[in-house]
Amino acid sequence: MDIVDLARFQFAMTTVYHFFFVPFSIGTAFVVAILETIYVRTNNEAYKKLAKFWGNIFLLSFAVGVVTGLIQEFQFGMNWSDYSRFMGDIFGAPLALEALLSFFIESTFIGLWVFTWDRAKKGLHLFFIWMTCFGTLTSALWILSANSFMQHPVGYAIKGGRAEMVDFFALLKNPQLWFEYGHVILAALTMGGIILAGLTAFQLLKKDVSKGAKDLYKRSMRLGLWMSLIFSLGTVLLGDLQMKYLIHEQPMKFAATEAVYKTTGDQAPWTVVGIADTKNHTVKYNIDIPVMLSVLSYNKTTGAVKGMDEINKEMKEKYGTEIDGTKMDYIPPVNTLFWSFRVMAGFGAWIILVSSVSLWMLRKKKETLYEKRWMLWVLALTTFTPFIANTAGWFITEFGRYPWTVYGLFTIQQSISSNVSATSLLISNIVYFVLFTTLAIVMIRLVVRQLQKDPTELQESQFAQKFLDPFDKGAF
């Protein structure tokens, strides 16, 4: 592998690892905030215990997400220095706001929330967790505003070979941002719901669950299932709008997700499955549904979809057949995009189905879900599907921009650090892989340990139990 491939692999690896925990944190923070809100409004101690129990899992995901995020940011200077020079003026502003504003809010109010159970008034303590949620949501906003610029550059001017910001608010008004941000946040809240329901299912499958714990878990189950159903439907609807937006803004990405090489007729068929022959620009072993792609794209039975071959020709005329001595082909990795889209959409549909069926089994005066161990196993295993779906969605976002780092302005080849050797990249790839794998194993083991505890017996946050007032004589 050459330097570009190694640098791309490293960024992909660290992004995937990091993105396991970002929606995890956003979703579970929201879950905990809802649970504590119910406690404050009803004064039902059961929801306080649940907020503490699931809050410890949120804290674990947040801690690991911070570590993986810091490592990821180092790469901009290490492997993508030319990109950093080109984009620094624009990328720097939202990243600074994320670190100085959102992360400050998150870390401050997480600390207050952890250490003030039964020390602050209930309403004030609830404010702490909602501020933590606000921090996670705005953190995602700043990061995605930078990413959206890379997808659809706005509010900039090229000066001295660099992109310089001329209108900060143009970044926030970027239509790409609001499609992307809405889709990511709704997917994160879906993950929060399905993790709550799925991990609860794992707990209910145990044979030694106390009656009190089982009652708490049943409350978790209903909340998790309603969250996963409502937010997964929202994710699908907004994702549909986002894909329709891409037809005009990034037609190459859209065509690649549907493996459309040749411009279709007025009634475009939808390829359900198939294998793209990237050499001959055809699709093999395909199963097509007539007219369906026109319906999905335009909400009507007529409407042609422009193919990658035609778009590639147009882009060569617009941007050139060579950029900085590199021969250009603007077609992205088709099979990766085609199957990533189907994996993402398929798991999204699966979450809607499982949530709907599970809620039907929990309808009033019926709790057959808890009597059907096979359905609890289905729900438990569904816990892992949002991680796969979110990763597939991120693949679509990033691979679909190929060969650009900043769409239409700066290519991957132009972005790489010129003084990094293949050997150093290979070594750092191995180190990062071992480090992230270790973090993942530790995270899983700590979550399992938390799940082994009885939520009815949790009184104080484990962190607060260990670290009280350092000036108290009892601390020594």
Foldseek 3Di string as FASTA:
>chain_A
DFLLVLLVVLLLVLVLLLVLLLLVLLQLLVVLLVLLVCCVVVVDVLSVLVSLLSVVLSVLSVVLNVVSVVVSVVSCVVWFVLQCQQCVQPLVVLVCCLVVPLVVQQVVLSVVLAQCVVNDDSVVSSVSSVSNSVSSLSSLLSNLLSLLCLLPNDQWDQDPNHTHHNDNVVSVVRPSSVLVSLLSNLLSNLLSLLLQQQLLLVLLLDPPFDPSLVVSSVVSNVSSLVRNQVSLVVNVVSVLVSLLVCLPRPLLLSQLLQLFAAKDAFQDWGWLDFDAPVVVSDTPPTDTDTSVVVCSNPVDSTDIRHHQNVVQVVVCVVQNCDDPRRGDGARFDRVLSNVLVNLLVVLSVVSNVLSVVCVVQVPPPHPCCSVDSVSSVVSNVNSCSSSSNVSSVVCSSPRSQPQGSRRPRHGSVSRTDPPDGPVVSVVVSVVVVVVSVVSVVVSVVVSVVSSVDRSVPDDHNPVNVLDPPCPPPVND
